[in-house]
Amino acid sequence: MIENKTIFITGGAGFIANTLIKNLIENNNIIVYDNFHRDTLSESGFINHPNLKVVKGDVLDKDLLISSMKNTDIVVHAAGIAGIDTVIKDPVRTMTVNMIGTANALEAARINGVKDRFIDFSTSEIFGSMAYKSTEEDNTVSGSAGEARWTYAVSKLAGEHLSHAYFAQFQLPTVTVRPFNVYGPGQTGEGAIQIFIKKALLNEDIYINGDGSQIRAWCFVDDFVDCLMSCLENPNAIGESFNLGNARAVITTLGLAQTVCRVLNSTSRILFRDQLSADIELRIPSVKKTEEVLGFKAKIDLEEGILKTAEYFRAKK
C-alpha cells in the first residue's frame, strides 16, 4: 500500500496515468507534469482533487522539470510521443522528446534525490517485427535507419538503456516497463482498438492498414496499472525491466475488428488500405517474469475489455 507519498507523473494527463492516479490519489499527493497535447485528465473527475497539483510543462524544459520535481518520492515517466501517424509526421520531435525528455527526467530525479522509485515507460516495439513470447532478456531488434516505426522504437530503447545506466551508476531506483498494446476507457490518440470501438458505435466504416493478419496481445488498462502498482511497491522490481501485457488476449487485427463489431452489434463495414509504414507482424509477450517476480496475472479478457471501453465512449457521446 502506497501512502503519504509525493508522486510525480510526466505525461500525467494521459489515459494510463489517469488510471494510475485513480489508484493513488486518495492517500498520496500527485503532481501531474504535462503539456496537455493529449488530455484525459480534464474530464476524469480528478482535475480539482485537493491532492492533485498540475504543472503545465514540457519534458524538454529541464529547469522546470527539476524545480517541479522537488521533494518527490516516486517518479512515473509516462511522457513521450507515440503513434505511427505522429512519428511519420514529426520523427525529429519523436526522437528528441523520447530521448532527451527521458534524459531530463532521469537527471531531475537524480538531482532531487528520488528514493523510492523511477518508472520508465519503454515499448514492446523494441522486439522488432516478429515478437513471439518475447522475454525481458531477449535481444532487441531495430529495422533500417529512417523507417518511421523504428525511429520510435530506437528512441524508447535509448531511454531504457539510460534508465538502467542511472540505476547502475547512481543507484537511482529505476524500473522499466514495456507495455504491450494497452487499451481502455480514456484512451486518446491512435490506438487501434479505441478507433475500432468508436467507429463501431456509430456503425461507420472501419479501416485496417495492411491485410489484417497482424497478431497482437491486448492488455486492458486496469490490468496494466495493477502490474504497474506492483512495480512501484515490490522491492524486487528495482533495476529490472518487465513486459506488461496479457499473453492470453491474442488476436489478428482483422479478428479484433470483427470481434468489436460482433460484441457491440455493429453494422460497420471492415475495409483495407495500404500500410503507413513497416508493421509489427507478431507481438506477444512472455509474462513469466511479471508473474514470478511481481505475482501479476492479467484478469480481463478481450471481450469484457471491449465492453468496458465501449461503455466509456458511449457515455461521452
C-alpha atoms as a PDB file:
ATOM      1  CA  MET A   1       0.000   0.000   0.000  1.00  0.00           C
ATOM      2  CA  ILE A   2       1.462   3.342  -1.096  1.00  0.00           C
ATOM      3  CA  GLU A   3       0.535   6.104   1.352  1.00  0.00           C
ATOM      4  CA  ASN A   4       1.684   9.640   2.205  1.00  0.00           C
ATOM      5  CA  LYS A   5       3.988   9.851  -0.788  1.00  0.00           C
ATOM      6  CA  THR A   6       4.527  12.614  -3.318  1.00  0.00           C
ATOM      7  CA  ILE A   7       4.236  11.075  -6.775  1.00  0.00           C
ATOM      8  CA  PHE A   8       5.384  12.981  -9.854  1.00  0.00           C
ATOM      9  CA  ILE A   9       3.907  11.815 -13.169  1.00  0.00           C
ATOM     10  CA  THR A  10       5.185  13.100 -16.500  1.00  0.00           C
ATOM     11  CA  GLY A  11       2.531  12.633 -19.152  1.00  0.00           C
ATOM     12  CA  GLY A  12       0.100  12.672 -16.248  1.00  0.00           C
ATOM     13  CA  ALA A  13      -2.798  13.891 -18.395  1.00  0.00           C
ATOM     14  CA  GLY A  14      -2.697  10.673 -20.446  1.00  0.00           C
ATOM     15  CA  PHE A  15      -5.096   7.769 -20.109  1.00  0.00           C
ATOM     16  CA  ILE A  16      -2.746   5.234 -18.485  1.00  0.00           C
ATOM     17  CA  ALA A  17      -1.593   7.868 -15.984  1.00  0.00           C
ATOM     18  CA  ASN A  18      -5.199   8.682 -15.124  1.00  0.00           C
ATOM     19  CA  THR A  19      -5.961   5.078 -14.246  1.00  0.00           C
ATOM     20  CA  LEU A  20      -2.862   5.122 -12.024  1.00  0.00           C
ATOM     21  CA  ILE A  21      -3.961   8.404 -10.435  1.00  0.00           C
ATOM     22  CA  LYS A  22      -7.311   6.793  -9.569  1.00  0.00           C
ATOM     23  CA  ASN A  23      -5.435   4.155  -7.548  1.00  0.00           C
ATOM     24  CA  LEU A  24      -3.188   6.595  -5.695  1.00  0.00           C
ATOM     25  CA  ILE A  25      -4.837   9.970  -5.251  1.00  0.00           C
ATOM     26  CA  GLU A  26      -6.814   9.406  -2.039  1.00  0.00           C
ATOM     27  CA  ASN A  27      -3.746   8.567   0.064  1.00  0.00           C
ATOM     28  CA  ASN A  28      -0.959  10.467  -1.707  1.00  0.00           C
ATOM     29  CA  ASN A  29      -0.068  13.803  -3.255  1.00  0.00           C
ATOM     30  CA  ILE A  30       0.094  13.693  -7.049  1.00  0.00           C
ATOM     31  CA  ILE A  31       1.958  16.159  -9.261  1.00  0.00           C
ATOM     32  CA  VAL A  32       0.935  15.938 -12.913  1.00  0.00           C
ATOM     33  CA  TYR A  33       3.530  17.333 -15.320  1.00  0.00           C
ATOM     34  CA  ASP A  34       2.215  17.526 -18.889  1.00  0.00           C
ATOM     35  CA  ASN A  35       1.953  19.801 -21.919  1.00  0.00           C
ATOM     36  CA  PHE A  36      -1.656  18.583 -22.390  1.00  0.00           C
ATOM     37  CA  HIS A  37      -1.130  17.662 -26.046  1.00  0.00           C
ATOM     38  CA  ARG A  38      -3.399  14.738 -25.176  1.00  0.00           C
ATOM     39  CA  ASP A  39      -5.780  15.159 -22.297  1.00  0.00           C
ATOM     40  CA  THR A  40      -7.779  12.560 -20.416  1.00  0.00           C
ATOM     41  CA  LEU A  41      -7.277  14.291 -17.061  1.00  0.00           C
ATOM     42  CA  SER A  42      -9.557  17.302 -17.548  1.00  0.00           C
ATOM     43  CA  GLU A  43     -12.666  15.113 -17.861  1.00  0.00           C
ATOM     44  CA  SER A  44     -11.587  12.434 -15.406  1.00  0.00           C
ATOM     45  CA  GLY A  45     -13.063  13.881 -12.220  1.00  0.00           C
ATOM     46  CA  PHE A  46      -9.631  14.281 -10.599  1.00  0.00           C
ATOM     47  CA  ILE A  47      -8.693  17.668 -12.012  1.00  0.00           C
ATOM     48  CA  ASN A  48      -9.993  19.556  -8.950  1.00  0.00           C
ATOM     49  CA  HIS A  49      -8.966  16.971  -6.332  1.00  0.00           C
ATOM     50  CA  PRO A  50      -7.197  18.581  -3.343  1.00  0.00           C
ATOM     51  CA  ASN A  51      -4.370  16.026  -3.562  1.00  0.00           C
ATOM     52  CA  LEU A  52      -3.622  16.889  -7.208  1.00  0.00           C
ATOM     53  CA  LYS A  53      -1.283  19.597  -8.453  1.00  0.00           C
ATOM     54  CA  VAL A  54      -0.910  20.318 -12.164  1.00  0.00           C
ATOM     55  CA  VAL A  55       2.241  21.742 -13.733  1.00  0.00           C
ATOM     56  CA  LYS A  56       1.847  22.572 -17.408  1.00  0.00           C
ATOM     57  CA  GLY A  57       5.267  21.901 -18.824  1.00  0.00           C
ATOM     58  CA  ASP A  58       7.322  20.017 -21.371  1.00  0.00           C
ATOM     59  CA  VAL A  59       9.891  17.340 -20.571  1.00  0.00           C
ATOM     60  CA  LEU A  60      12.308  19.223 -22.828  1.00  0.00           C
ATOM     61  CA  ASP A  61      12.242  22.094 -20.293  1.00  0.00           C
ATOM     62  CA  LYS A  62      14.885  20.673 -17.979  1.00  0.00           C
ATOM     63  CA  ASP A  63      14.951  23.562 -15.485  1.00  0.00           C
ATOM     64  CA  LEU A  64      11.174  23.480 -14.970  1.00  0.00           C
ATOM     65  CA  LEU A  65      11.277  19.704 -14.664  1.00  0.00           C
ATOM     66  CA  ILE A  66      13.960  19.884 -11.954  1.00  0.00           C
ATOM     67  CA  SER A  67      12.197  22.596  -9.954  1.00  0.00           C
ATOM     68  CA  SER A  68       8.781  20.926 -10.246  1.00  0.00           C
ATOM     69  CA  MET A  69      10.131  17.579  -9.023  1.00  0.00           C
ATOM     70  CA  LYS A  70      11.425  18.834  -5.664  1.00  0.00           C
ATOM     71  CA  ASN A  71      10.555  16.727  -2.605  1.00  0.00           C
ATOM     72  CA  THR A  72       9.237  13.867  -4.752  1.00  0.00           C
ATOM     73  CA  ASP A  73       9.316  10.245  -3.555  1.00  0.00           C
ATOM     74  CA  ILE A  74       8.218   8.479  -6.749  1.00  0.00           C
ATOM     75  CA  VAL A  75       8.535   9.448 -10.432  1.00  0.00           C
ATOM     76  CA  VAL A  76       6.461   7.812 -13.166  1.00  0.00           C
ATOM     77  CA  HIS A  77       7.871   8.914 -16.509  1.00  0.00           C
ATOM     78  CA  ALA A  78       4.983   8.260 -18.881  1.00  0.00           C
ATOM     79  CA  ALA A  79       5.525  11.262 -21.179  1.00  0.00           C
ATOM     80  CA  GLY A  80       6.540  10.505 -24.722  1.00  0.00           C
ATOM     81  CA  ILE A  81       5.497  10.703 -28.339  1.00  0.00           C
ATOM     82  CA  ALA A  82       3.819   7.615 -29.780  1.00  0.00           C
ATOM     83  CA  GLY A  83       1.522   6.590 -32.620  1.00  0.00           C
ATOM     84  CA  ILE A  84       2.713   5.794 -36.122  1.00  0.00           C
ATOM     85  CA  ASP A  85       0.862   8.768 -37.666  1.00  0.00           C
ATOM     86  CA  THR A  86       2.636  11.172 -35.322  1.00  0.00           C
ATOM     87  CA  VAL A  87       6.012   9.506 -35.803  1.00  0.00           C
ATOM     88  CA  ILE A  88       5.760   9.763 -39.596  1.00  0.00           C
ATOM     89  CA  LYS A  89       4.779  13.447 -39.465  1.00  0.00           C
ATOM     90  CA  ASP A  90       7.444  14.501 -36.952  1.00  0.00           C
ATOM     91  CA  PRO A  91      10.279  11.983 -36.500  1.00  0.00           C
ATOM     92  CA  VAL A  92      12.695  14.628 -35.171  1.00  0.00           C
ATOM     93  CA  ARG A  93      10.388  15.641 -32.331  1.00  0.00           C
ATOM     94  CA  THR A  94       9.610  11.973 -31.650  1.00  0.00           C
ATOM     95  CA  MET A  95      13.263  11.154 -31.056  1.00  0.00           C
ATOM     96  CA  THR A  96      14.009  14.411 -29.248  1.00  0.00           C
ATOM     97  CA  VAL A  97      11.158  14.077 -26.751  1.00  0.00           C
ATOM     98  CA  ASN A  98      11.642  10.366 -26.159  1.00  0.00           C
ATOM     99  CA  MET A  99      15.416  10.513 -25.720  1.00  0.00           C
ATOM    100  CA  ILE A 100      16.232  13.965 -24.335  1.00  0.00           C
ATOM    101  CA  GLY A 101      12.958  14.131 -22.388  1.00  0.00           C
ATOM    102  CA  THR A 102      13.824  10.844 -20.672  1.00  0.00           C
ATOM    103  CA  ALA A 103      17.383  12.037 -20.014  1.00  0.00           C
ATOM    104  CA  ASN A 104      15.984  15.218 -18.437  1.00  0.00           C
ATOM    105  CA  ALA A 105      13.539  13.290 -16.255  1.00  0.00           C
ATOM    106  CA  LEU A 106      16.246  10.920 -15.021  1.00  0.00           C
ATOM    107  CA  GLU A 107      18.645  13.760 -14.262  1.00  0.00           C
ATOM    108  CA  ALA A 108      15.926  15.707 -12.449  1.00  0.00           C
ATOM    109  CA  ALA A 109      15.203  12.621 -10.332  1.00  0.00           C
ATOM    110  CA  ARG A 110      18.906  12.214  -9.521  1.00  0.00           C
ATOM    111  CA  ILE A 111      19.315  15.884  -8.600  1.00  0.00           C
ATOM    112  CA  ASN A 112      16.217  15.781  -6.399  1.00  0.00           C
ATOM    113  CA  GLY A 113      17.280  12.571  -4.682  1.00  0.00           C
ATOM    114  CA  VAL A 114      14.252  10.450  -5.612  1.00  0.00           C
ATOM    115  CA  LYS A 115      14.476   7.493  -3.219  1.00  0.00           C
ATOM    116  CA  ASP A 116      11.511   5.184  -3.772  1.00  0.00           C
ATOM    117  CA  ARG A 117      11.079   4.567  -7.499  1.00  0.00           C
ATOM    118  CA  PHE A 118      11.560   5.894 -11.029  1.00  0.00           C
ATOM    119  CA  ILE A 119       9.338   4.137 -13.556  1.00  0.00           C
ATOM    120  CA  ASP A 120      10.373   4.477 -17.196  1.00  0.00           C
ATOM    121  CA  PHE A 121       7.867   3.655 -19.944  1.00  0.00           C
ATOM    122  CA  SER A 122       9.563   1.865 -22.830  1.00  0.00           C
ATOM    123  CA  THR A 123       7.691  -0.066 -25.552  1.00  0.00           C
ATOM    124  CA  SER A 124       7.063  -3.592 -26.783  1.00  0.00           C
ATOM    125  CA  GLU A 125       8.258  -2.418 -30.215  1.00  0.00           C
ATOM    126  CA  ILE A 126      11.886  -2.851 -29.150  1.00  0.00           C
ATOM    127  CA  PHE A 127      11.465  -6.556 -30.003  1.00  0.00           C
ATOM    128  CA  GLY A 128      11.045  -5.851 -33.716  1.00  0.00           C
ATOM    129  CA  SER A 129       8.505  -7.102 -36.229  1.00  0.00           C
ATOM    130  CA  MET A 130       8.320 -10.728 -35.016  1.00  0.00           C
ATOM    131  CA  ALA A 131       7.989 -10.972 -31.242  1.00  0.00           C
ATOM    132  CA  TYR A 132       6.552 -14.274 -30.026  1.00  0.00           C
ATOM    133  CA  LYS A 133       6.534 -14.828 -26.267  1.00  0.00           C
ATOM    134  CA  SER A 134       9.436 -12.399 -26.023  1.00  0.00           C
ATOM    135  CA  THR A 135      11.146 -12.416 -22.654  1.00  0.00           C
ATOM    136  CA  GLU A 136      12.773  -9.452 -20.958  1.00  0.00           C
ATOM    137  CA  GLU A 137      16.205 -10.916 -21.748  1.00  0.00           C
ATOM    138  CA  ASP A 138      15.613 -11.407 -25.490  1.00  0.00           C
ATOM    139  CA  ASN A 139      17.656  -9.387 -27.956  1.00  0.00           C
ATOM    140  CA  THR A 140      16.105  -6.124 -29.035  1.00  0.00           C
ATOM    141  CA  VAL A 141      15.667  -5.600 -32.774  1.00  0.00           C
ATOM    142  CA  SER A 142      15.504  -2.449 -34.868  1.00  0.00           C
ATOM    143  CA  GLY A 143      14.883  -2.191 -38.577  1.00  0.00           C
ATOM    144  CA  SER A 144      16.551   0.024 -41.146  1.00  0.00           C
ATOM    145  CA  ALA A 145      17.531   3.576 -40.234  1.00  0.00           C
ATOM    146  CA  GLY A 146      14.968   6.131 -41.344  1.00  0.00           C
ATOM    147  CA  GLU A 147      11.991   3.763 -41.229  1.00  0.00           C
ATOM    148  CA  ALA A 148       9.386   5.578 -39.123  1.00  0.00           C
ATOM    149  CA  ARG A 149       8.393   2.708 -36.864  1.00  0.00           C
ATOM    150  CA  TRP A 150      11.972   2.016 -35.804  1.00  0.00           C
ATOM    151  CA  THR A 151      12.549   5.733 -35.169  1.00  0.00           C
ATOM    152  CA  TYR A 152      10.076   5.393 -32.320  1.00  0.00           C
ATOM    153  CA  ALA A 153      11.365   2.035 -31.079  1.00  0.00           C
ATOM    154  CA  VAL A 154      15.010   3.122 -31.030  1.00  0.00           C
ATOM    155  CA  SER A 155      14.166   6.340 -29.174  1.00  0.00           C
ATOM    156  CA  LYS A 156      12.371   4.372 -26.446  1.00  0.00           C
ATOM    157  CA  LEU A 157      15.154   1.800 -26.259  1.00  0.00           C
ATOM    158  CA  ALA A 158      17.715   4.585 -25.759  1.00  0.00           C
ATOM    159  CA  GLY A 159      15.688   5.778 -22.783  1.00  0.00           C
ATOM    160  CA  GLU A 160      15.576   2.252 -21.420  1.00  0.00           C
ATOM    161  CA  HIS A 161      19.365   1.911 -21.630  1.00  0.00           C
ATOM    162  CA  LEU A 162      19.779   5.268 -19.905  1.00  0.00           C
ATOM    163  CA  SER A 163      17.408   4.264 -17.101  1.00  0.00           C
ATOM    164  CA  HIS A 164      19.476   1.139 -16.454  1.00  0.00           C
ATOM    165  CA  ALA A 165      22.639   3.260 -16.540  1.00  0.00           C
ATOM    166  CA  TYR A 166      21.240   5.616 -13.869  1.00  0.00           C
ATOM    167  CA  PHE A 167      20.500   2.605 -11.687  1.00  0.00           C
ATOM    168  CA  ALA A 168      23.979   1.138 -12.180  1.00  0.00           C
ATOM    169  CA  GLN A 169      25.918   4.393 -11.827  1.00  0.00           C
ATOM    170  CA  PHE A 170      23.848   6.468  -9.398  1.00  0.00           C
ATOM    171  CA  GLN A 171      21.683   3.805  -7.686  1.00  0.00           C
ATOM    172  CA  LEU A 172      18.538   5.607  -8.853  1.00  0.00           C
ATOM    173  CA  PRO A 173      15.783   3.020  -8.173  1.00  0.00           C
ATOM    174  CA  THR A 174      14.634   2.607 -11.778  1.00  0.00           C
ATOM    175  CA  VAL A 175      12.143   0.128 -13.208  1.00  0.00           C
ATOM    176  CA  THR A 176      11.428  -0.164 -16.932  1.00  0.00           C
ATOM    177  CA  VAL A 177       8.008  -1.275 -18.177  1.00  0.00           C
ATOM    178  CA  ARG A 178       7.288  -2.374 -21.736  1.00  0.00           C
ATOM    179  CA  PRO A 179       3.565  -2.003 -22.475  1.00  0.00           C
ATOM    180  CA  PHE A 180       2.036  -4.491 -24.894  1.00  0.00           C
ATOM    181  CA  ASN A 181      -0.974  -2.874 -26.607  1.00  0.00           C
ATOM    182  CA  VAL A 182      -2.732  -1.244 -23.666  1.00  0.00           C
ATOM    183  CA  TYR A 183      -6.298  -0.049 -24.254  1.00  0.00           C
ATOM    184  CA  GLY A 184      -9.316   1.040 -22.264  1.00  0.00           C
ATOM    185  CA  PRO A 185     -11.507   3.926 -21.050  1.00  0.00           C
ATOM    186  CA  GLY A 186      -9.988   7.358 -21.544  1.00  0.00           C
ATOM    187  CA  GLN A 187      -7.640   6.333 -24.346  1.00  0.00           C
ATOM    188  CA  THR A 188      -6.721   9.083 -26.779  1.00  0.00           C
ATOM    189  CA  GLY A 189      -4.569   9.135 -29.888  1.00  0.00           C
ATOM    190  CA  GLU A 190      -4.125   6.397 -32.455  1.00  0.00           C
ATOM    191  CA  GLY A 191      -4.718   3.091 -30.655  1.00  0.00           C
ATOM    192  CA  ALA A 192      -6.442   0.642 -32.993  1.00  0.00           C
ATOM    193  CA  ILE A 193      -8.909  -0.801 -30.508  1.00  0.00           C
ATOM    194  CA  GLN A 194     -10.390   2.519 -29.404  1.00  0.00           C
ATOM    195  CA  ILE A 195     -10.638   3.684 -33.034  1.00  0.00           C
ATOM    196  CA  PHE A 196     -12.464   0.443 -33.943  1.00  0.00           C
ATOM    197  CA  ILE A 197     -14.827   0.843 -30.985  1.00  0.00           C
ATOM    198  CA  LYS A 198     -15.640   4.484 -31.780  1.00  0.00           C
ATOM    199  CA  LYS A 199     -16.379   3.583 -35.408  1.00  0.00           C
ATOM    200  CA  ALA A 200     -18.417   0.530 -34.436  1.00  0.00           C
ATOM    201  CA  LEU A 201     -20.597   2.517 -32.039  1.00  0.00           C
ATOM    202  CA  LEU A 202     -21.510   4.818 -34.944  1.00  0.00           C
ATOM    203  CA  ASN A 203     -21.790   1.955 -37.489  1.00  0.00           C
ATOM    204  CA  GLU A 204     -19.118   3.715 -39.565  1.00  0.00           C
ATOM    205  CA  ASP A 205     -16.574   2.017 -41.828  1.00  0.00           C
ATOM    206  CA  ILE A 206     -13.571   0.528 -40.020  1.00  0.00           C
ATOM    207  CA  TYR A 207     -10.276   0.749 -41.885  1.00  0.00           C
ATOM    208  CA  ILE A 208      -7.380  -1.661 -41.364  1.00  0.00           C
ATOM    209  CA  ASN A 209      -3.873  -0.765 -42.520  1.00  0.00           C
ATOM    210  CA  GLY A 210      -2.499  -3.809 -44.357  1.00  0.00           C
ATOM    211  CA  ASP A 211      -4.253  -7.161 -44.753  1.00  0.00           C
ATOM    212  CA  GLY A 212      -5.318  -7.569 -41.112  1.00  0.00           C
ATOM    213  CA  SER A 213      -3.173 -10.644 -40.458  1.00  0.00           C
ATOM    214  CA  GLN A 214      -1.002  -8.844 -37.881  1.00  0.00           C
ATOM    215  CA  ILE A 215      -1.225 -10.530 -34.473  1.00  0.00           C
ATOM    216  CA  ARG A 216      -1.355  -8.650 -31.176  1.00  0.00           C
ATOM    217  CA  ALA A 217      -1.850  -9.363 -27.476  1.00  0.00           C
ATOM    218  CA  TRP A 218      -4.195  -6.754 -25.974  1.00  0.00           C
ATOM    219  CA  CYS A 219      -3.979  -5.618 -22.339  1.00  0.00           C
ATOM    220  CA  PHE A 220      -6.820  -3.785 -20.575  1.00  0.00           C
ATOM    221  CA  VAL A 221      -5.608  -0.669 -18.784  1.00  0.00           C
ATOM    222  CA  ASP A 222      -6.793  -1.775 -15.313  1.00  0.00           C
ATOM    223  CA  ASP A 223      -4.663  -4.915 -15.593  1.00  0.00           C
ATOM    224  CA  PHE A 224      -1.700  -2.871 -16.804  1.00  0.00           C
ATOM    225  CA  VAL A 225      -1.975  -0.452 -13.869  1.00  0.00           C
ATOM    226  CA  ASP A 226      -2.342  -3.321 -11.370  1.00  0.00           C
ATOM    227  CA  CYS A 227       1.028  -4.578 -12.586  1.00  0.00           C
ATOM    228  CA  LEU A 228       2.426  -1.054 -12.554  1.00  0.00           C
ATOM    229  CA  MET A 229       1.422  -0.772  -8.883  1.00  0.00           C
ATOM    230  CA  SER A 230       3.473  -3.900  -8.187  1.00  0.00           C
ATOM    231  CA  CYS A 231       6.448  -2.260  -9.924  1.00  0.00           C
ATOM    232  CA  LEU A 232       6.037   0.698  -7.564  1.00  0.00           C
ATOM    233  CA  GLU A 233       5.722  -1.378  -4.405  1.00  0.00           C
ATOM    234  CA  ASN A 234       7.801  -4.536  -4.838  1.00  0.00           C
ATOM    235  CA  PRO A 235      11.480  -4.028  -3.901  1.00  0.00           C
ATOM    236  CA  ASN A 236      12.462  -6.862  -6.259  1.00  0.00           C
ATOM    237  CA  ALA A 237      11.365  -4.718  -9.224  1.00  0.00           C
ATOM    238  CA  ILE A 238      14.197  -2.199  -8.809  1.00  0.00           C
ATOM    239  CA  GLY A 239      16.776  -2.330 -11.598  1.00  0.00           C
ATOM    240  CA  GLU A 240      14.610  -4.618 -13.730  1.00  0.00           C
ATOM    241  CA  SER A 241      12.614  -4.459 -16.953  1.00  0.00           C
ATOM    242  CA  PHE A 242       9.153  -6.010 -17.270  1.00  0.00           C
ATOM    243  CA  ASN A 243       6.869  -6.942 -20.135  1.00  0.00           C
ATOM    244  CA  LEU A 244       3.402  -5.738 -19.111  1.00  0.00           C
ATOM    245  CA  GLY A 245       0.638  -7.344 -21.109  1.00  0.00           C
ATOM    246  CA  ASN A 246      -1.957 -10.076 -21.425  1.00  0.00           C
ATOM    247  CA  ALA A 247      -0.491 -13.046 -23.277  1.00  0.00           C
ATOM    248  CA  ARG A 248      -3.905 -14.733 -23.467  1.00  0.00           C
ATOM    249  CA  ALA A 249      -5.803 -11.936 -25.243  1.00  0.00           C
ATOM    250  CA  VAL A 250      -4.241 -12.680 -28.642  1.00  0.00           C
ATOM    251  CA  ILE A 251      -5.964 -11.952 -31.957  1.00  0.00           C
ATOM    252  CA  THR A 252      -5.307 -10.748 -35.517  1.00  0.00           C
ATOM    253  CA  THR A 253      -6.146  -7.159 -36.370  1.00  0.00           C
ATOM    254  CA  LEU A 254      -8.958  -8.357 -38.654  1.00  0.00           C
ATOM    255  CA  GLY A 255     -10.201 -10.649 -35.894  1.00  0.00           C
ATOM    256  CA  LEU A 256     -10.156  -7.715 -33.491  1.00  0.00           C
ATOM    257  CA  ALA A 257     -12.285  -5.577 -35.802  1.00  0.00           C
ATOM    258  CA  GLN A 258     -14.714  -8.469 -36.297  1.00  0.00           C
ATOM    259  CA  THR A 259     -14.892  -9.098 -32.538  1.00  0.00           C
ATOM    260  CA  VAL A 260     -15.563  -5.419 -31.812  1.00  0.00           C
ATOM    261  CA  CYS A 261     -18.406  -5.416 -34.354  1.00  0.00           C
ATOM    262  CA  ARG A 262     -19.880  -8.651 -33.001  1.00  0.00           C
ATOM    263  CA  VAL A 263     -19.677  -7.696 -29.322  1.00  0.00           C
ATOM    264  CA  LEU A 264     -21.159  -4.231 -29.976  1.00  0.00           C
ATOM    265  CA  ASN A 265     -23.771  -5.450 -32.509  1.00  0.00           C
ATOM    266  CA  SER A 266     -22.354  -3.045 -35.064  1.00  0.00           C
ATOM    267  CA  THR A 267     -23.065  -2.992 -38.799  1.00  0.00           C
ATOM    268  CA  SER A 268     -19.749  -1.294 -39.625  1.00  0.00           C
ATOM    269  CA  ARG A 269     -18.005  -2.476 -42.775  1.00  0.00           C
ATOM    270  CA  ILE A 270     -14.372  -3.571 -42.423  1.00  0.00           C
ATOM    271  CA  LEU A 271     -12.204  -2.185 -45.228  1.00  0.00           C
ATOM    272  CA  PHE A 272      -8.495  -2.406 -46.014  1.00  0.00           C
ATOM    273  CA  ARG A 273      -5.915   0.152 -47.099  1.00  0.00           C
ATOM    274  CA  ASP A 274      -2.143   0.331 -47.551  1.00  0.00           C
ATOM    275  CA  GLN A 275       0.118   0.252 -44.527  1.00  0.00           C
ATOM    276  CA  LEU A 276       1.511   3.582 -43.357  1.00  0.00           C
ATOM    277  CA  SER A 277       4.918   2.161 -42.512  1.00  0.00           C
ATOM    278  CA  ALA A 278       6.719  -1.073 -41.698  1.00  0.00           C
ATOM    279  CA  ASP A 279       4.430  -3.085 -39.449  1.00  0.00           C
ATOM    280  CA  ILE A 280       4.744  -5.415 -36.498  1.00  0.00           C
ATOM    281  CA  GLU A 281       3.541  -8.774 -37.766  1.00  0.00           C
ATOM    282  CA  LEU A 282       3.554 -10.588 -34.432  1.00  0.00           C
ATOM    283  CA  ARG A 283       3.696  -9.164 -30.901  1.00  0.00           C
ATOM    284  CA  ILE A 284       3.019 -11.452 -27.945  1.00  0.00           C
ATOM    285  CA  PRO A 285       4.897 -11.127 -24.647  1.00  0.00           C
ATOM    286  CA  SER A 286       6.178 -13.723 -22.280  1.00  0.00           C
ATOM    287  CA  VAL A 287       4.729 -12.644 -18.926  1.00  0.00           C
ATOM    288  CA  LYS A 288       6.542 -15.292 -16.888  1.00  0.00           C
ATOM    289  CA  LYS A 289       8.835 -12.756 -15.205  1.00  0.00           C
ATOM    290  CA  THR A 290       5.982 -10.470 -14.131  1.00  0.00           C
ATOM    291  CA  GLU A 291       4.215 -13.472 -12.646  1.00  0.00           C
ATOM    292  CA  GLU A 292       7.282 -14.845 -10.852  1.00  0.00           C
ATOM    293  CA  VAL A 293       8.752 -11.544  -9.594  1.00  0.00           C
ATOM    294  CA  LEU A 294       5.622  -9.424  -9.175  1.00  0.00           C
ATOM    295  CA  GLY A 295       2.908 -12.049  -8.754  1.00  0.00           C
ATOM    296  CA  PHE A 296       0.916 -10.475 -11.586  1.00  0.00           C
ATOM    297  CA  LYS A 297      -1.622 -12.123 -13.897  1.00  0.00           C
ATOM    298  CA  ALA A 298      -3.935 -10.215 -16.232  1.00  0.00           C
ATOM    299  CA  LYS A 299      -7.603 -10.849 -15.397  1.00  0.00           C
ATOM    300  CA  ILE A 300      -9.735  -9.069 -18.010  1.00  0.00           C
ATOM    301  CA  ASP A 301     -10.364 -10.898 -21.279  1.00  0.00           C
ATOM    302  CA  LEU A 302     -10.718  -9.148 -24.599  1.00  0.00           C
ATOM    303  CA  GLU A 303     -14.499  -9.157 -24.922  1.00  0.00           C
ATOM    304  CA  GLU A 304     -15.002  -7.831 -21.388  1.00  0.00           C
ATOM    305  CA  GLY A 305     -12.420  -5.130 -22.070  1.00  0.00           C
ATOM    306  CA  ILE A 306     -14.152  -4.125 -25.311  1.00  0.00           C
ATOM    307  CA  LEU A 307     -17.469  -3.771 -23.481  1.00  0.00           C
ATOM    308  CA  LYS A 308     -15.933  -1.686 -20.675  1.00  0.00           C
ATOM    309  CA  THR A 309     -14.184   0.575 -23.182  1.00  0.00           C
ATOM    310  CA  ALA A 310     -17.303   0.959 -25.321  1.00  0.00           C
ATOM    311  CA  GLU A 311     -19.329   1.879 -22.238  1.00  0.00           C
ATOM    312  CA  TYR A 312     -16.928   4.767 -21.597  1.00  0.00           C
ATOM    313  CA  PHE A 313     -17.036   6.105 -25.162  1.00  0.00           C
ATOM    314  CA  ARG A 314     -20.810   5.641 -25.373  1.00  0.00           C
ATOM    315  CA  ALA A 315     -21.225   7.804 -22.258  1.00  0.00           C
ATOM    316  CA  LYS A 316     -19.071  10.533 -23.856  1.00  0.00           C
ATOM    317  CA  LYS A 317     -21.339  10.962 -26.896  1.00  0.00           C
END
